[in-house]
Amino acid sequence: MLEKNTETTTVISKSLTGSSVIADESGNNSTVITFSASIEKENGNIRNMPYIQQNILKPAMYVAHMEECKKDIQEFNNYVDKCLKGEDEQ
């Protein structure tokens, strides 16, 4: 006798991106760092190892504006944490 079982799951994938934009000497906005993160959840549970990546595009500007850049990094990390906890879905 054949026994059948069907399970329905809900998978949510999120790609988060951000950047630290600072005015250069000319007053033009310049992207100094970019951030990205990827999160997958299945039925509300974290499904894979989440990652956060940052790329420093303009090292000299990063060093000159390190305090502001670090605040942006922390703000992005906090947003990723909210997404992991599901607080962004409320």
N, C-alpha and C. Protein backbone atom coordinates (compact mmCIF):
# COMPACT_ATOMS: atom_id res chain seq x y z
N MET A 1 0.85 -1.18 0.00
CA MET A 1 0.00 0.00 0.00
C MET A 1 0.89 1.24 0.00
N LEU A 2 0.56 2.16 -0.83
CA LEU A 2 1.30 3.42 -0.94
C LEU A 2 0.86 4.37 0.16
N GLU A 3 1.83 4.88 0.86
CA GLU A 3 1.57 5.94 1.84
C GLU A 3 2.16 7.21 1.29
N LYS A 4 1.37 8.26 1.30
CA LYS A 4 1.81 9.54 0.75
C LYS A 4 1.86 10.59 1.84
N ASN A 5 2.82 11.46 1.70
CA ASN A 5 2.94 12.57 2.64
C ASN A 5 3.42 13.79 1.85
N THR A 6 2.72 14.88 2.00
CA THR A 6 3.11 16.12 1.35
C THR A 6 3.32 17.18 2.42
N GLU A 7 4.46 17.82 2.34
CA GLU A 7 4.77 18.88 3.30
C GLU A 7 4.97 20.17 2.54
N THR A 8 4.29 21.21 2.98
CA THR A 8 4.44 22.51 2.37
C THR A 8 5.26 23.39 3.30
N THR A 9 6.31 23.98 2.74
CA THR A 9 7.14 24.88 3.53
C THR A 9 7.15 26.25 2.87
N THR A 10 7.46 27.23 3.67
CA THR A 10 7.59 28.59 3.16
C THR A 10 9.04 29.01 3.33
N VAL A 11 9.68 29.32 2.22
CA VAL A 11 11.06 29.76 2.24
C VAL A 11 11.10 31.24 1.85
N ILE A 12 11.78 32.01 2.68
CA ILE A 12 11.94 33.43 2.40
C ILE A 12 13.43 33.71 2.26
N SER A 13 13.80 34.29 1.14
CA SER A 13 15.19 34.69 0.91
C SER A 13 15.24 36.21 0.88
N LYS A 14 16.20 36.76 1.59
CA LYS A 14 16.37 38.21 1.59
C LYS A 14 17.80 38.56 1.23
N SER A 15 17.94 39.50 0.34
CA SER A 15 19.24 40.07 0.02
C SER A 15 19.22 41.52 0.49
N LEU A 16 20.10 41.85 1.39
CA LEU A 16 20.16 43.20 1.95
C LEU A 16 21.40 43.89 1.41
N THR A 17 21.26 45.13 1.03
CA THR A 17 22.40 45.91 0.56
C THR A 17 22.39 47.29 1.20
N GLY A 18 23.54 47.89 1.29
CA GLY A 18 23.66 49.23 1.82
C GLY A 18 25.00 49.82 1.41
N SER A 19 25.17 51.08 1.71
CA SER A 19 26.45 51.72 1.39
C SER A 19 26.67 52.91 2.32
N SER A 20 27.93 53.23 2.50
CA SER A 20 28.31 54.41 3.25
C SER A 20 28.71 55.47 2.23
N VAL A 21 27.92 56.52 2.15
CA VAL A 21 28.13 57.57 1.15
C VAL A 21 28.56 58.84 1.88
N ILE A 22 29.69 59.40 1.45
CA ILE A 22 30.28 60.57 2.10
C ILE A 22 30.64 61.60 1.03
N ALA A 23 30.45 62.87 1.35
CA ALA A 23 30.82 63.93 0.41
C ALA A 23 32.34 64.04 0.33
N ASP A 24 32.86 64.10 -0.89
CA ASP A 24 34.31 64.26 -1.08
C ASP A 24 34.69 65.74 -1.01
N GLU A 25 35.96 66.05 -1.28
CA GLU A 25 36.45 67.43 -1.18
C GLU A 25 35.68 68.39 -2.09
N SER A 26 35.17 67.88 -3.20
CA SER A 26 34.43 68.71 -4.16
C SER A 26 32.96 68.87 -3.78
N GLY A 27 32.55 68.16 -2.73
CA GLY A 27 31.15 68.23 -2.32
C GLY A 27 30.28 67.19 -3.01
N ASN A 28 30.88 66.35 -3.84
CA ASN A 28 30.13 65.29 -4.51
C ASN A 28 30.04 64.07 -3.61
N ASN A 29 28.89 63.42 -3.61
CA ASN A 29 28.73 62.21 -2.82
C ASN A 29 29.53 61.08 -3.44
N SER A 30 30.21 60.34 -2.58
CA SER A 30 31.06 59.25 -3.03
C SER A 30 30.79 58.02 -2.17
N THR A 31 30.60 56.87 -2.81
CA THR A 31 30.38 55.62 -2.08
C THR A 31 31.73 55.11 -1.60
N VAL A 32 31.87 55.01 -0.28
CA VAL A 32 33.13 54.62 0.33
C VAL A 32 33.14 53.12 0.63
N ILE A 33 32.03 52.60 1.14
CA ILE A 33 31.91 51.18 1.49
C ILE A 33 30.55 50.68 1.00
N THR A 34 30.52 49.47 0.52
CA THR A 34 29.24 48.82 0.23
C THR A 34 29.09 47.62 1.17
N PHE A 35 27.85 47.31 1.50
CA PHE A 35 27.53 46.20 2.40
C PHE A 35 26.53 45.30 1.71
N SER A 36 26.61 44.02 2.01
CA SER A 36 25.58 43.09 1.53
C SER A 36 25.44 41.96 2.55
N ALA A 37 24.25 41.40 2.58
CA ALA A 37 23.97 40.26 3.45
C ALA A 37 22.91 39.41 2.78
N SER A 38 22.92 38.14 3.12
CA SER A 38 21.94 37.20 2.57
C SER A 38 21.38 36.38 3.71
N ILE A 39 20.06 36.27 3.74
CA ILE A 39 19.39 35.52 4.80
C ILE A 39 18.33 34.63 4.15
N GLU A 40 18.29 33.38 4.55
CA GLU A 40 17.21 32.48 4.12
C GLU A 40 16.55 31.90 5.36
N LYS A 41 15.22 31.93 5.34
CA LYS A 41 14.45 31.35 6.42
C LYS A 41 13.43 30.38 5.83
N GLU A 42 13.24 29.27 6.53
CA GLU A 42 12.22 28.29 6.14
C GLU A 42 11.29 28.11 7.33
N ASN A 43 10.02 28.41 7.10
CA ASN A 43 9.02 28.36 8.16
C ASN A 43 9.45 29.16 9.39
N GLY A 44 10.09 30.29 9.15
CA GLY A 44 10.49 31.18 10.23
C GLY A 44 11.83 30.86 10.86
N ASN A 45 12.45 29.75 10.47
CA ASN A 45 13.75 29.36 11.04
C ASN A 45 14.87 29.67 10.06
N ILE A 46 15.98 30.12 10.58
CA ILE A 46 17.14 30.43 9.73
C ILE A 46 17.60 29.13 9.08
N ARG A 47 17.71 29.17 7.75
CA ARG A 47 17.97 27.96 6.98
C ARG A 47 19.45 27.78 6.61
N ASN A 48 20.16 28.85 6.45
CA ASN A 48 21.57 28.75 6.05
C ASN A 48 22.42 29.63 6.94
N MET A 49 23.69 29.56 6.75
CA MET A 49 24.60 30.42 7.51
C MET A 49 24.56 31.82 6.91
N PRO A 50 23.95 32.77 7.61
CA PRO A 50 23.89 34.13 7.08
C PRO A 50 25.30 34.72 6.99
N TYR A 51 25.47 35.63 6.06
CA TYR A 51 26.76 36.29 5.95
C TYR A 51 26.56 37.78 5.77
N ILE A 52 27.56 38.53 6.19
CA ILE A 52 27.61 39.97 5.95
C ILE A 52 28.95 40.24 5.27
N GLN A 53 28.89 40.96 4.17
CA GLN A 53 30.11 41.29 3.44
C GLN A 53 30.21 42.80 3.33
N GLN A 54 31.42 43.31 3.46
CA GLN A 54 31.65 44.74 3.24
C GLN A 54 32.85 44.90 2.33
N ASN A 55 32.75 45.86 1.43
CA ASN A 55 33.83 46.16 0.49
C ASN A 55 34.19 47.63 0.63
N ILE A 56 35.44 47.90 0.97
CA ILE A 56 35.91 49.28 1.05
C ILE A 56 36.36 49.67 -0.35
N LEU A 57 35.64 50.61 -0.95
CA LEU A 57 35.92 51.02 -2.33
C LEU A 57 36.95 52.15 -2.39
N LYS A 58 36.96 52.99 -1.37
CA LYS A 58 37.86 54.15 -1.35
C LYS A 58 38.59 54.17 -0.01
N PRO A 59 39.71 53.44 0.07
CA PRO A 59 40.43 53.31 1.35
C PRO A 59 40.85 54.64 1.98
N ALA A 60 41.32 55.58 1.18
CA ALA A 60 41.76 56.86 1.74
C ALA A 60 40.59 57.60 2.38
N MET A 61 39.44 57.60 1.72
CA MET A 61 38.26 58.26 2.30
C MET A 61 37.77 57.49 3.53
N TYR A 62 37.90 56.17 3.49
CA TYR A 62 37.51 55.36 4.66
C TYR A 62 38.33 55.77 5.88
N VAL A 63 39.64 55.88 5.69
CA VAL A 63 40.52 56.25 6.80
C VAL A 63 40.20 57.67 7.28
N ALA A 64 39.96 58.58 6.36
CA ALA A 64 39.68 59.97 6.71
C ALA A 64 38.33 60.13 7.43
N HIS A 65 37.39 59.24 7.15
CA HIS A 65 36.04 59.32 7.72
C HIS A 65 35.68 58.04 8.46
N MET A 66 36.67 57.46 9.11
CA MET A 66 36.49 56.15 9.73
C MET A 66 35.36 56.12 10.75
N GLU A 67 35.23 57.14 11.57
CA GLU A 67 34.19 57.16 12.60
C GLU A 67 32.80 57.09 11.97
N GLU A 68 32.57 57.89 10.95
CA GLU A 68 31.27 57.88 10.26
C GLU A 68 31.03 56.53 9.57
N CYS A 69 32.07 55.99 8.94
CA CYS A 69 31.95 54.70 8.26
C CYS A 69 31.62 53.59 9.25
N LYS A 70 32.27 53.61 10.41
CA LYS A 70 32.01 52.58 11.42
C LYS A 70 30.59 52.67 11.95
N LYS A 71 30.04 53.88 12.04
CA LYS A 71 28.64 54.03 12.44
C LYS A 71 27.72 53.40 11.40
N ASP A 72 28.04 53.61 10.12
CA ASP A 72 27.23 53.00 9.05
C ASP A 72 27.34 51.48 9.08
N ILE A 73 28.54 50.97 9.34
CA ILE A 73 28.73 49.52 9.44
C ILE A 73 27.87 48.96 10.57
N GLN A 74 27.91 49.61 11.73
CA GLN A 74 27.12 49.15 12.87
C GLN A 74 25.63 49.23 12.59
N GLU A 75 25.20 50.30 11.93
CA GLU A 75 23.78 50.44 11.60
C GLU A 75 23.33 49.31 10.65
N PHE A 76 24.17 48.97 9.67
CA PHE A 76 23.83 47.88 8.77
C PHE A 76 23.78 46.55 9.52
N ASN A 77 24.78 46.31 10.38
CA ASN A 77 24.78 45.08 11.18
C ASN A 77 23.54 44.97 12.06
N ASN A 78 23.11 46.08 12.64
CA ASN A 78 21.89 46.09 13.47
C ASN A 78 20.67 45.75 12.62
N TYR A 79 20.62 46.27 11.38
CA TYR A 79 19.50 45.96 10.49
C TYR A 79 19.48 44.47 10.15
N VAL A 80 20.66 43.90 9.88
CA VAL A 80 20.74 42.46 9.61
C VAL A 80 20.23 41.67 10.81
N ASP A 81 20.62 42.08 12.01
CA ASP A 81 20.16 41.40 13.23
C ASP A 81 18.64 41.46 13.34
N LYS A 82 18.05 42.62 13.04
CA LYS A 82 16.59 42.74 13.07
C LYS A 82 15.94 41.78 12.08
N CYS A 83 16.53 41.67 10.90
CA CYS A 83 15.99 40.76 9.89
C CYS A 83 16.11 39.31 10.35
N LEU A 84 17.23 38.96 10.98
CA LEU A 84 17.40 37.60 11.49
C LEU A 84 16.36 37.26 12.55
N LYS A 85 16.03 38.25 13.39
CA LYS A 85 15.05 38.05 14.46
C LYS A 85 13.61 38.16 13.95
N GLY A 86 13.45 38.60 12.70
CA GLY A 86 12.11 38.75 12.14
C GLY A 86 11.43 40.05 12.52
N GLU A 87 12.17 40.97 13.13
CA GLU A 87 11.58 42.23 13.57
C GLU A 87 11.28 43.16 12.41
N ASP A 88 11.88 42.93 11.25
CA ASP A 88 11.61 43.76 10.07
C ASP A 88 10.30 43.38 9.41
N GLU A 89 9.72 42.25 9.82
CA GLU A 89 8.49 41.75 9.18
C GLU A 89 7.24 42.22 9.90
N GLN A 90 7.41 42.97 10.99
CA GLN A 90 6.25 43.40 11.77
C GLN A 90 5.69 44.69 11.26
